[in-house]
Amino acid sequence: MSSPSDLPLETVARSPSIEEEDEDDEELEETLSERLWGLTEMFPESLRTAAGASMDLSICAAKKFYSFSRTALWIGTTSFMILVLPVVFETEKLQMEQQQQLQQRQILLGPSTGMSGPLPPLPGKA
């Protein structure tokens, strides 16, 4: 039996790398898409055609839905801004004016008259 000291130095140093190279040669280098494409060969052609057609149909439907939703959102937003916001602003402006009138009435006539309507008639004078 020969010991590692009897073998030439180059043989001892190269033996692990040679085994690694053999293992690398056995493994095929392919991408994930190539592997998936290779797996399609195990299904019948009719199933592959139907799957491709359904995929194309779903992509087309998703694109149309996206386009429709963008258009609908644009129309809804602009319509809201043109039709509803002016009404909201005018209502807010009217409420602010009423609040200011109420504050002026409270300052001039006192805090109790600010909440009530017109002054009641004095008793005895009619």
Protein backbone atom coordinates (compact mmCIF):
# COMPACT_ATOMS: atom_id res chain seq x y z
CA MET A 1 0.00 0.00 0.00
CA SER A 2 1.28 3.40 -0.79
CA SER A 3 0.95 6.22 1.61
CA PRO A 4 0.19 9.80 0.59
CA SER A 5 3.85 10.58 1.11
CA ASP A 6 4.76 8.08 -1.66
CA LEU A 7 2.49 9.83 -4.20
CA PRO A 8 3.77 12.83 -6.10
CA LEU A 9 2.81 16.17 -4.59
CA GLU A 10 0.81 17.26 -7.63
CA THR A 11 -1.47 14.19 -7.47
CA VAL A 12 -2.32 14.78 -3.80
CA ALA A 13 -3.05 18.47 -4.37
CA ARG A 14 -5.20 17.94 -7.48
CA SER A 15 -7.40 15.05 -6.44
CA PRO A 16 -10.10 17.11 -4.60
CA SER A 17 -10.37 19.64 -7.42
CA ILE A 18 -10.68 16.89 -10.04
CA GLU A 19 -13.63 15.42 -8.14
CA GLU A 20 -15.29 18.85 -7.98
CA GLU A 21 -14.82 19.35 -11.71
CA ASP A 22 -16.42 15.97 -12.40
CA GLU A 23 -19.42 16.93 -10.26
CA ASP A 24 -19.73 20.28 -12.05
CA ASP A 25 -19.69 18.55 -15.43
CA GLU A 26 -22.54 16.29 -14.39
CA GLU A 27 -24.81 19.21 -13.46
CA LEU A 28 -26.38 20.94 -16.41
CA GLU A 29 -26.37 24.67 -16.18
CA GLU A 30 -29.81 25.93 -17.10
CA THR A 31 -31.93 28.82 -15.99
CA LEU A 32 -35.24 28.59 -14.21
CA SER A 33 -37.14 29.58 -17.33
CA GLU A 34 -35.41 26.83 -19.31
CA ARG A 35 -36.36 24.28 -16.66
CA LEU A 36 -39.98 25.42 -16.65
CA TRP A 37 -40.10 25.36 -20.45
CA GLY A 38 -38.72 21.81 -20.36
CA LEU A 39 -41.44 20.75 -17.94
CA THR A 40 -44.13 21.82 -20.41
CA GLU A 41 -43.16 18.91 -22.67
CA MET A 42 -44.77 16.43 -20.29
CA PHE A 43 -48.25 17.91 -20.90
CA PRO A 44 -50.29 17.31 -24.07
CA GLU A 45 -50.27 19.97 -26.77
CA SER A 46 -53.99 20.75 -26.31
CA LEU A 47 -53.47 21.51 -22.61
CA ARG A 48 -50.48 23.73 -23.37
CA THR A 49 -52.48 25.61 -26.01
CA ALA A 50 -55.43 26.10 -23.65
CA ALA A 51 -53.14 27.29 -20.86
CA GLY A 52 -51.43 29.76 -23.20
CA ALA A 53 -54.77 31.07 -24.46
CA SER A 54 -56.12 31.51 -20.94
CA MET A 55 -52.92 33.31 -19.92
CA ASP A 56 -53.22 35.67 -22.90
CA LEU A 57 -56.88 36.28 -22.10
CA SER A 58 -56.19 37.05 -18.45
CA ILE A 59 -53.37 39.46 -19.35
CA CYS A 60 -55.63 41.22 -21.84
CA ALA A 61 -58.45 41.43 -19.26
CA ALA A 62 -56.07 42.82 -16.63
CA LYS A 63 -54.85 45.51 -19.05
CA LYS A 64 -58.41 46.48 -19.97
CA PHE A 65 -59.48 46.57 -16.32
CA TYR A 66 -56.49 48.76 -15.46
CA SER A 67 -57.29 51.13 -18.33
CA PHE A 68 -60.98 51.27 -17.37
CA SER A 69 -60.21 51.91 -13.71
CA ARG A 70 -57.83 54.74 -14.59
CA THR A 71 -60.44 56.35 -16.82
CA ALA A 72 -63.23 55.90 -14.28
CA LEU A 73 -61.10 57.35 -11.50
CA TRP A 74 -60.21 60.37 -13.64
CA ILE A 75 -63.84 61.01 -14.57
CA GLY A 76 -65.04 60.56 -10.99
CA THR A 77 -62.37 62.83 -9.52
CA THR A 78 -62.82 65.66 -12.01
CA SER A 79 -66.63 65.46 -11.77
CA PHE A 80 -66.42 65.67 -7.98
CA MET A 81 -64.14 68.70 -8.19
CA ILE A 82 -66.36 70.50 -10.70
CA LEU A 83 -69.79 69.61 -9.31
CA VAL A 84 -69.47 69.02 -5.55
CA LEU A 85 -66.58 71.12 -4.26
CA PRO A 86 -68.13 74.51 -5.16
CA VAL A 87 -71.28 73.56 -3.22
CA VAL A 88 -69.18 72.48 -0.23
CA PHE A 89 -67.21 75.74 -0.31
CA GLU A 90 -70.35 77.89 -0.53
CA THR A 91 -71.96 76.00 2.36
CA GLU A 92 -68.83 76.47 4.45
CA LYS A 93 -68.74 80.17 3.55
CA LEU A 94 -72.39 80.59 4.58
CA GLN A 95 -71.76 78.85 7.90
CA MET A 96 -68.77 81.10 8.57
CA GLU A 97 -70.86 84.21 7.86
CA GLN A 98 -73.59 82.99 10.23
CA GLN A 99 -70.96 82.29 12.90
CA GLN A 100 -69.53 85.80 12.52
CA GLN A 101 -73.00 87.37 12.78
CA LEU A 102 -73.67 85.35 15.93
CA GLN A 103 -70.38 86.50 17.45
CA GLN A 104 -71.13 90.14 16.59
CA ARG A 105 -74.58 89.83 18.19
CA GLN A 106 -73.03 88.33 21.33
CA ILE A 107 -70.49 91.15 21.56
CA LEU A 108 -73.09 93.91 21.08
CA LEU A 109 -76.05 92.57 23.07
CA GLY A 110 -74.50 90.19 25.57
CA PRO A 111 -74.00 86.44 25.79
CA SER A 112 -77.65 85.53 26.54
CA THR A 113 -79.06 87.16 23.43
CA GLY A 114 -76.62 85.57 21.06
CA MET A 115 -78.39 82.21 21.20
CA SER A 116 -81.97 83.47 21.17
CA GLY A 117 -83.89 85.03 18.35
CA PRO A 118 -85.39 88.53 18.47
CA LEU A 119 -86.03 90.17 21.85
CA PRO A 120 -89.37 89.27 23.46
CA PRO A 121 -91.78 92.18 24.06
CA LEU A 122 -91.69 93.73 27.52
CA PRO A 123 -94.70 92.90 29.75
CA GLY A 124 -97.16 95.73 30.18
CA LYS A 125 -96.38 97.37 26.87
CA ALA A 126 -98.52 96.19 24.07
